[in-house]
């Protein structure tokens, strides 16, 4: 192959890479979940699922899926970059958290602790402790890109 042909192929690949990079840069990231949920759960159902299923099975089924969650707001954290809520659970060793984009700060700030809420989120997965007998470790189920569906 001649040097000229190799140079043309490299320039074409470089231009293709630049075009793909520009497209990905201009394509907006979905900050909030929308559409129809893939799964609907109450916090009690998530707690049961989190304690009875293996973490790999849970993650295979739910990670990157849209999940609508109904439960009681236990606490919330408002920060500059993002906001999080924590659902009240019957088991103190299980934490169910949902993260919201900063564009929803006012909506999250307006939520009342103890109220029943519904959120639509994307599941990040479950993290179980390595030693299930460790009393100080928690099972955490996390969600992100959440949107508030309702508050009662």
N, C-alpha and C. Protein backbone atom coordinates (compact mmCIF):
# COMPACT_ATOMS: atom_id res chain seq x y z
N UNK A 1 0.84 -1.17 0.00
CA UNK A 1 0.00 0.00 0.00
C UNK A 1 0.89 1.23 0.00
N UNK A 2 0.44 2.22 -0.68
CA UNK A 2 1.24 3.44 -0.76
C UNK A 2 0.97 4.34 0.44
N UNK A 3 1.91 5.21 0.68
CA UNK A 3 1.81 6.16 1.80
C UNK A 3 0.57 7.05 1.63
N UNK A 4 0.27 7.46 0.41
CA UNK A 4 -0.87 8.34 0.13
C UNK A 4 -2.18 7.65 0.51
N UNK A 5 -2.31 6.36 0.20
CA UNK A 5 -3.54 5.62 0.52
C UNK A 5 -3.69 5.46 2.04
N UNK A 6 -2.60 5.18 2.73
CA UNK A 6 -2.63 5.04 4.19
C UNK A 6 -3.02 6.38 4.83
N UNK A 7 -2.46 7.47 4.32
CA UNK A 7 -2.77 8.80 4.85
C UNK A 7 -4.24 9.12 4.65
N UNK A 8 -4.81 8.79 3.51
CA UNK A 8 -6.23 9.06 3.24
C UNK A 8 -7.11 8.25 4.19
N UNK A 9 -6.75 6.99 4.43
CA UNK A 9 -7.53 6.15 5.36
C UNK A 9 -7.45 6.70 6.77
N UNK A 10 -6.27 7.11 7.21
CA UNK A 10 -6.12 7.67 8.55
C UNK A 10 -6.90 8.97 8.70
N UNK A 11 -6.88 9.83 7.70
CA UNK A 11 -7.63 11.09 7.75
C UNK A 11 -9.13 10.80 7.78
N UNK A 12 -9.58 9.82 6.99
CA UNK A 12 -11.00 9.46 7.00
C UNK A 12 -11.42 8.94 8.37
N UNK A 13 -10.59 8.10 8.99
CA UNK A 13 -10.89 7.58 10.33
C UNK A 13 -10.91 8.70 11.37
N UNK A 14 -9.98 9.63 11.24
CA UNK A 14 -9.93 10.76 12.15
C UNK A 14 -11.19 11.62 12.02
N UNK A 15 -11.60 11.90 10.79
CA UNK A 15 -12.82 12.68 10.57
C UNK A 15 -14.06 11.95 11.09
N UNK A 16 -14.11 10.64 10.90
CA UNK A 16 -15.22 9.85 11.42
C UNK A 16 -15.24 9.92 12.95
N UNK A 17 -14.09 9.81 13.58
CA UNK A 17 -14.00 9.91 15.04
C UNK A 17 -14.45 11.26 15.55
N UNK A 18 -14.04 12.32 14.86
CA UNK A 18 -14.45 13.67 15.25
C UNK A 18 -15.97 13.82 15.10
N UNK A 19 -16.54 13.29 14.02
CA UNK A 19 -17.98 13.39 13.79
C UNK A 19 -18.76 12.64 14.88
N UNK A 20 -18.30 11.47 15.23
CA UNK A 20 -18.97 10.69 16.29
C UNK A 20 -18.84 11.40 17.63
N UNK A 21 -17.66 11.90 17.94
CA UNK A 21 -17.46 12.65 19.19
C UNK A 21 -18.35 13.87 19.27
N UNK A 22 -18.45 14.61 18.17
CA UNK A 22 -19.32 15.80 18.14
C UNK A 22 -20.77 15.41 18.36
N UNK A 23 -21.22 14.34 17.72
CA UNK A 23 -22.60 13.88 17.89
C UNK A 23 -22.88 13.51 19.35
N UNK A 24 -21.98 12.75 19.96
CA UNK A 24 -22.17 12.35 21.36
C UNK A 24 -22.13 13.55 22.30
N UNK A 25 -21.28 14.51 22.00
CA UNK A 25 -21.18 15.71 22.84
C UNK A 25 -22.46 16.54 22.74
N UNK A 26 -23.05 16.63 21.57
CA UNK A 26 -24.25 17.43 21.37
C UNK A 26 -25.52 16.72 21.82
N UNK A 27 -25.49 15.39 21.92
CA UNK A 27 -26.65 14.63 22.32
C UNK A 27 -26.88 14.83 23.82
N UNK A 28 -28.01 15.38 24.23
CA UNK A 28 -28.22 15.65 25.65
C UNK A 28 -28.38 14.37 26.46
N UNK A 29 -27.88 14.39 27.67
CA UNK A 29 -28.02 13.27 28.59
C UNK A 29 -29.40 13.32 29.23
N UNK A 30 -30.01 12.17 29.36
CA UNK A 30 -31.31 12.10 30.01
C UNK A 30 -31.10 12.26 31.52
N UNK A 31 -31.52 13.40 32.05
CA UNK A 31 -31.31 13.69 33.46
C UNK A 31 -32.41 13.14 34.34
N UNK A 32 -33.59 12.94 33.75
CA UNK A 32 -34.75 12.51 34.51
C UNK A 32 -35.43 11.37 33.76
N UNK A 33 -35.87 10.37 34.50
CA UNK A 33 -36.58 9.26 33.89
C UNK A 33 -37.95 9.71 33.42
N UNK A 34 -38.37 9.17 32.31
CA UNK A 34 -39.70 9.47 31.81
C UNK A 34 -40.22 8.24 31.09
N UNK A 35 -41.49 8.26 30.78
CA UNK A 35 -42.09 7.14 30.08
C UNK A 35 -42.71 6.15 31.03
N UNK A 36 -43.03 5.01 30.48
CA UNK A 36 -43.68 3.95 31.24
C UNK A 36 -42.63 3.15 32.03
N UNK A 37 -42.90 2.88 33.31
CA UNK A 37 -41.93 2.11 34.10
C UNK A 37 -41.88 0.65 33.65
N UNK A 38 -40.69 0.06 33.78
CA UNK A 38 -40.53 -1.36 33.49
C UNK A 38 -41.03 -2.20 34.67
N UNK A 39 -40.92 -1.64 35.89
CA UNK A 39 -41.35 -2.34 37.10
C UNK A 39 -42.00 -1.33 38.06
N UNK A 40 -42.94 -1.81 38.87
CA UNK A 40 -43.56 -1.03 39.94
C UNK A 40 -43.35 -1.78 41.24
N UNK A 41 -42.84 -1.08 42.26
CA UNK A 41 -42.61 -1.69 43.57
C UNK A 41 -43.02 -0.73 44.67
N UNK A 42 -43.43 -1.30 45.79
CA UNK A 42 -43.51 -0.54 47.02
C UNK A 42 -42.17 -0.73 47.72
N UNK A 43 -41.89 0.09 48.71
CA UNK A 43 -40.62 -0.09 49.42
C UNK A 43 -40.59 -1.43 50.16
N UNK A 44 -41.75 -1.89 50.63
CA UNK A 44 -41.80 -3.20 51.30
C UNK A 44 -41.44 -4.32 50.33
N UNK A 45 -41.91 -4.24 49.10
CA UNK A 45 -41.56 -5.25 48.09
C UNK A 45 -40.07 -5.21 47.76
N UNK A 46 -39.51 -4.00 47.67
CA UNK A 46 -38.08 -3.87 47.40
C UNK A 46 -37.25 -4.43 48.55
N UNK A 47 -37.69 -4.18 49.79
CA UNK A 47 -37.01 -4.73 50.97
C UNK A 47 -36.99 -6.25 50.91
N UNK A 48 -38.15 -6.84 50.63
CA UNK A 48 -38.25 -8.30 50.56
C UNK A 48 -37.37 -8.84 49.44
N UNK A 49 -37.43 -8.20 48.28
CA UNK A 49 -36.62 -8.62 47.13
C UNK A 49 -35.13 -8.50 47.47
N UNK A 50 -34.77 -7.43 48.17
CA UNK A 50 -33.38 -7.20 48.54
C UNK A 50 -32.84 -8.20 49.55
N UNK A 51 -33.71 -8.73 50.38
CA UNK A 51 -33.24 -9.68 51.40
C UNK A 51 -33.34 -11.14 50.94
N UNK A 52 -34.24 -11.44 50.02
CA UNK A 52 -34.43 -12.83 49.60
C UNK A 52 -33.64 -13.22 48.36
N UNK A 53 -33.39 -12.26 47.46
CA UNK A 53 -32.69 -12.59 46.22
C UNK A 53 -31.20 -12.34 46.34
N UNK A 54 -30.45 -13.09 45.57
CA UNK A 54 -29.00 -12.84 45.48
C UNK A 54 -28.79 -11.50 44.77
N UNK A 55 -27.72 -10.79 45.15
CA UNK A 55 -27.49 -9.48 44.55
C UNK A 55 -27.30 -9.57 43.03
N UNK A 56 -26.69 -10.63 42.55
CA UNK A 56 -26.49 -10.75 41.10
C UNK A 56 -27.82 -10.93 40.38
N UNK A 57 -28.72 -11.70 40.96
CA UNK A 57 -30.04 -11.90 40.36
C UNK A 57 -30.82 -10.59 40.36
N UNK A 58 -30.79 -9.88 41.47
CA UNK A 58 -31.46 -8.59 41.59
C UNK A 58 -30.93 -7.62 40.53
N UNK A 59 -29.60 -7.53 40.45
CA UNK A 59 -28.98 -6.58 39.51
C UNK A 59 -29.25 -6.95 38.06
N UNK A 60 -29.23 -8.22 37.73
CA UNK A 60 -29.52 -8.64 36.35
C UNK A 60 -30.93 -8.25 35.94
N UNK A 61 -31.85 -8.34 36.88
CA UNK A 61 -33.25 -8.05 36.56
C UNK A 61 -33.53 -6.55 36.51
N UNK A 62 -32.93 -5.75 37.38
CA UNK A 62 -33.37 -4.36 37.54
C UNK A 62 -32.40 -3.27 37.10
N UNK A 63 -31.11 -3.52 37.04
CA UNK A 63 -30.16 -2.46 36.72
C UNK A 63 -30.46 -1.89 35.33
N UNK A 64 -30.44 -0.56 35.25
CA UNK A 64 -30.73 0.20 34.03
C UNK A 64 -32.18 0.11 33.57
N UNK A 65 -33.06 -0.35 34.43
CA UNK A 65 -34.50 -0.39 34.12
C UNK A 65 -35.19 0.77 34.85
N UNK A 66 -36.29 1.24 34.26
CA UNK A 66 -37.10 2.28 34.90
C UNK A 66 -38.01 1.61 35.93
N UNK A 67 -37.89 2.08 37.17
CA UNK A 67 -38.65 1.49 38.27
C UNK A 67 -39.46 2.59 38.96
N UNK A 68 -40.75 2.35 39.13
CA UNK A 68 -41.59 3.28 39.89
C UNK A 68 -41.70 2.73 41.31
N UNK A 69 -41.38 3.59 42.28
CA UNK A 69 -41.33 3.19 43.69
C UNK A 69 -42.35 4.00 44.47
N UNK A 70 -43.10 3.31 45.31
CA UNK A 70 -44.07 3.97 46.18
C UNK A 70 -43.68 3.67 47.61
N UNK A 71 -43.54 4.74 48.41
CA UNK A 71 -43.18 4.54 49.80
C UNK A 71 -43.25 5.82 50.60
N UNK A 72 -42.85 5.74 51.85
CA UNK A 72 -42.87 6.88 52.77
C UNK A 72 -41.49 7.51 52.80
N UNK A 73 -41.46 8.83 52.67
CA UNK A 73 -40.19 9.57 52.69
C UNK A 73 -39.63 9.58 54.11
N UNK A 74 -38.43 9.02 54.25
CA UNK A 74 -37.78 8.98 55.56
C UNK A 74 -36.90 10.18 55.81
N UNK A 75 -36.10 10.58 54.80
CA UNK A 75 -35.24 11.76 54.92
C UNK A 75 -34.85 12.21 53.53
N UNK A 76 -34.24 13.40 53.48
CA UNK A 76 -33.80 13.94 52.20
C UNK A 76 -32.53 14.74 52.40
N UNK A 77 -31.75 14.84 51.33
CA UNK A 77 -30.50 15.60 51.34
C UNK A 77 -30.53 16.54 50.15
N UNK A 78 -30.41 17.83 50.42
CA UNK A 78 -30.39 18.83 49.35
C UNK A 78 -28.97 19.37 49.25
N UNK A 79 -28.35 19.24 48.07
CA UNK A 79 -26.99 19.73 47.85
C UNK A 79 -26.95 20.51 46.55
N UNK A 80 -25.83 21.19 46.31
CA UNK A 80 -25.69 21.99 45.10
C UNK A 80 -25.74 21.13 43.84
N UNK A 81 -25.03 20.02 43.83
CA UNK A 81 -24.91 19.21 42.61
C UNK A 81 -26.08 18.25 42.41
N UNK A 82 -26.59 17.68 43.48
CA UNK A 82 -27.68 16.73 43.35
C UNK A 82 -28.46 16.65 44.66
N UNK A 83 -29.59 15.99 44.59
CA UNK A 83 -30.47 15.84 45.74
C UNK A 83 -30.83 14.37 45.88
N UNK A 84 -30.96 13.92 47.12
CA UNK A 84 -31.31 12.52 47.35
C UNK A 84 -32.41 12.42 48.38
N UNK A 85 -33.21 11.38 48.24
CA UNK A 85 -34.20 11.05 49.26
C UNK A 85 -33.93 9.63 49.72
N UNK A 86 -34.36 9.35 50.93
CA UNK A 86 -34.22 8.02 51.51
C UNK A 86 -35.59 7.59 51.99
N UNK A 87 -36.01 6.43 51.52
CA UNK A 87 -37.32 5.92 51.91
C UNK A 87 -37.25 5.30 53.29
N UNK A 88 -38.35 5.40 54.01
CA UNK A 88 -38.48 4.76 55.32
C UNK A 88 -38.65 3.26 55.07
N UNK A 89 -37.88 2.44 55.78
CA UNK A 89 -37.97 0.99 55.63
C UNK A 89 -38.23 0.36 56.99
N UNK A 90 -38.80 -0.85 56.96
CA UNK A 90 -39.06 -1.57 58.20
C UNK A 90 -37.79 -2.21 58.76
N UNK A 91 -36.84 -2.47 57.89
CA UNK A 91 -35.58 -3.10 58.28
C UNK A 91 -34.50 -2.03 58.31
N UNK A 92 -33.92 -1.78 59.46
CA UNK A 92 -32.92 -0.71 59.60
C UNK A 92 -31.63 -1.00 58.85
N UNK A 93 -31.43 -2.24 58.42
CA UNK A 93 -30.22 -2.60 57.68
C UNK A 93 -30.40 -2.49 56.17
N UNK A 94 -31.54 -2.00 55.73
CA UNK A 94 -31.77 -1.80 54.29
C UNK A 94 -32.01 -0.32 54.04
N UNK A 95 -31.25 0.22 53.09
CA UNK A 95 -31.37 1.63 52.71
C UNK A 95 -31.82 1.68 51.26
N UNK A 96 -32.90 2.40 51.00
CA UNK A 96 -33.37 2.61 49.63
C UNK A 96 -33.25 4.10 49.35
N UNK A 97 -32.36 4.45 48.43
CA UNK A 97 -32.13 5.87 48.14
C UNK A 97 -32.42 6.17 46.68
N UNK A 98 -32.85 7.40 46.44
CA UNK A 98 -33.16 7.86 45.10
C UNK A 98 -32.53 9.23 44.88
N UNK A 99 -31.76 9.37 43.81
CA UNK A 99 -31.06 10.62 43.52
C UNK A 99 -31.77 11.39 42.41
N UNK A 100 -31.86 12.70 42.60
CA UNK A 100 -32.52 13.59 41.65
C UNK A 100 -31.49 14.56 41.08
N UNK A 101 -31.73 15.00 39.85
CA UNK A 101 -30.88 16.02 39.24
C UNK A 101 -31.12 17.35 39.95
N UNK A 102 -30.11 18.23 39.89
CA UNK A 102 -30.23 19.52 40.57
C UNK A 102 -31.35 20.38 39.99
N UNK A 103 -31.80 20.09 38.77
CA UNK A 103 -32.91 20.85 38.19
C UNK A 103 -34.22 20.61 38.94
N UNK A 104 -34.28 19.57 39.76
CA UNK A 104 -35.47 19.26 40.54
C UNK A 104 -35.33 19.63 42.01
N UNK A 105 -34.36 20.50 42.32
CA UNK A 105 -34.10 20.87 43.72
C UNK A 105 -35.32 21.41 44.43
N UNK A 106 -36.08 22.28 43.77
CA UNK A 106 -37.26 22.87 44.42
C UNK A 106 -38.30 21.80 44.73
N UNK A 107 -38.52 20.87 43.81
CA UNK A 107 -39.50 19.80 44.04
C UNK A 107 -39.08 18.92 45.20
N UNK A 108 -37.80 18.58 45.26
CA UNK A 108 -37.31 17.72 46.35
C UNK A 108 -37.35 18.47 47.68
N UNK A 109 -36.99 19.74 47.68
CA UNK A 109 -37.03 20.54 48.90
C UNK A 109 -38.45 20.66 49.45
N UNK A 110 -39.43 20.65 48.55
CA UNK A 110 -40.82 20.80 48.96
C UNK A 110 -41.42 19.52 49.54
N UNK A 111 -40.75 18.40 49.39
CA UNK A 111 -41.27 17.13 49.91
C UNK A 111 -41.31 17.15 51.43
N UNK A 112 -42.34 16.57 51.99
CA UNK A 112 -42.53 16.53 53.43
C UNK A 112 -42.12 15.17 53.97
N UNK A 113 -41.24 15.18 54.98
CA UNK A 113 -40.82 13.94 55.62
C UNK A 113 -42.06 13.24 56.19
N UNK A 114 -42.18 11.94 55.93
CA UNK A 114 -43.32 11.18 56.43
C UNK A 114 -44.46 11.08 55.44
N UNK A 115 -44.39 11.81 54.33
CA UNK A 115 -45.45 11.74 53.34
C UNK A 115 -45.22 10.56 52.41
N UNK A 116 -46.31 10.07 51.82
CA UNK A 116 -46.21 8.98 50.86
C UNK A 116 -45.91 9.57 49.49
N UNK A 117 -44.87 9.06 48.86
CA UNK A 117 -44.48 9.59 47.56
C UNK A 117 -44.30 8.45 46.56
N UNK A 118 -44.37 8.82 45.29
CA UNK A 118 -44.06 7.90 44.20
C UNK A 118 -43.03 8.57 43.32
N UNK A 119 -41.98 7.82 42.97
CA UNK A 119 -40.93 8.33 42.10
C UNK A 119 -40.69 7.34 40.97
N UNK A 120 -40.24 7.87 39.84
CA UNK A 120 -39.85 7.04 38.71
C UNK A 120 -38.35 7.23 38.53
N UNK A 121 -37.59 6.15 38.62
CA UNK A 121 -36.13 6.22 38.61
C UNK A 121 -35.54 5.14 37.73
N UNK A 122 -34.23 5.25 37.53
CA UNK A 122 -33.46 4.19 36.89
C UNK A 122 -32.67 3.49 38.00
N UNK A 123 -32.73 2.16 38.02
CA UNK A 123 -32.09 1.39 39.08
C UNK A 123 -30.58 1.30 38.86
N UNK A 124 -29.82 1.61 39.89
CA UNK A 124 -28.36 1.44 39.87
C UNK A 124 -27.96 0.06 40.36
N UNK A 125 -28.77 -0.53 41.22
CA UNK A 125 -28.48 -1.87 41.71
C UNK A 125 -28.52 -1.96 43.22
N UNK A 126 -28.12 -3.12 43.68
CA UNK A 126 -28.11 -3.41 45.11
C UNK A 126 -26.67 -3.74 45.52
N UNK A 127 -26.32 -3.32 46.71
CA UNK A 127 -25.01 -3.65 47.28
C UNK A 127 -25.25 -4.28 48.64
N UNK A 128 -24.88 -5.54 48.74
CA UNK A 128 -25.06 -6.27 50.00
C UNK A 128 -23.72 -6.37 50.71
N UNK A 129 -23.74 -6.45 52.03
CA UNK A 129 -22.49 -6.60 52.78
C UNK A 129 -21.85 -7.95 52.50
N UNK A 130 -20.52 -7.98 52.57
CA UNK A 130 -19.82 -9.25 52.34
C UNK A 130 -20.14 -10.27 53.42
N UNK A 131 -20.27 -9.79 54.65
CA UNK A 131 -20.60 -10.68 55.76
C UNK A 131 -22.03 -10.37 56.21
N UNK A 132 -22.99 -11.24 55.91
CA UNK A 132 -24.38 -10.96 56.28
C UNK A 132 -24.62 -10.90 57.78
N UNK A 133 -23.69 -11.43 58.59
CA UNK A 133 -23.84 -11.40 60.04
C UNK A 133 -23.31 -10.12 60.67
N UNK A 134 -22.69 -9.27 59.87
CA UNK A 134 -22.15 -8.00 60.37
C UNK A 134 -23.32 -7.06 60.67
N UNK A 135 -23.48 -6.72 61.94
CA UNK A 135 -24.62 -5.90 62.36
C UNK A 135 -24.51 -4.45 61.93
N UNK A 136 -23.31 -3.99 61.62
CA UNK A 136 -23.12 -2.58 61.27
C UNK A 136 -23.19 -2.32 59.76
N UNK A 137 -23.31 -3.36 58.98
CA UNK A 137 -23.34 -3.16 57.53
C UNK A 137 -24.78 -3.10 57.03
N UNK A 138 -24.94 -2.42 55.91
CA UNK A 138 -26.28 -2.20 55.35
C UNK A 138 -26.36 -2.74 53.93
N UNK A 139 -27.55 -3.13 53.54
CA UNK A 139 -27.84 -3.43 52.16
C UNK A 139 -28.41 -2.16 51.56
N UNK A 140 -27.81 -1.68 50.49
CA UNK A 140 -28.28 -0.45 49.87
C UNK A 140 -28.81 -0.73 48.47
N UNK A 141 -29.98 -0.18 48.21
CA UNK A 141 -30.59 -0.24 46.88
C UNK A 141 -30.65 1.20 46.39
N UNK A 142 -29.97 1.48 45.28
CA UNK A 142 -29.86 2.86 44.82
C UNK A 142 -30.51 3.06 43.46
N UNK A 143 -31.04 4.26 43.32
CA UNK A 143 -31.69 4.67 42.07
C UNK A 143 -31.19 6.07 41.72
N UNK A 144 -31.17 6.40 40.43
CA UNK A 144 -30.81 7.74 40.01
C UNK A 144 -31.72 8.21 38.89
N UNK A 145 -31.47 9.44 38.42
CA UNK A 145 -32.27 10.07 37.37
C UNK A 145 -33.77 9.99 37.70
N UNK A 146 -34.09 10.29 38.93
CA UNK A 146 -35.45 10.17 39.42
C UNK A 146 -36.31 11.38 39.07
N UNK A 147 -37.59 11.13 38.98
CA UNK A 147 -38.59 12.17 38.78
C UNK A 147 -39.71 11.89 39.76
N UNK A 148 -40.23 12.95 40.35
CA UNK A 148 -41.32 12.84 41.31
C UNK A 148 -42.63 12.61 40.54
N UNK A 149 -43.33 11.51 40.87
CA UNK A 149 -44.60 11.20 40.22
C UNK A 149 -45.75 11.80 41.03
N UNK A 150 -45.72 11.57 42.36
CA UNK A 150 -46.80 12.11 43.21
C UNK A 150 -46.34 12.17 44.67
N UNK A 151 -47.06 13.02 45.42
CA UNK A 151 -46.87 13.11 46.87
C UNK A 151 -48.23 13.22 47.50
N UNK A 152 -48.47 12.41 48.55
CA UNK A 152 -49.76 12.45 49.26
C UNK A 152 -49.55 12.80 50.70
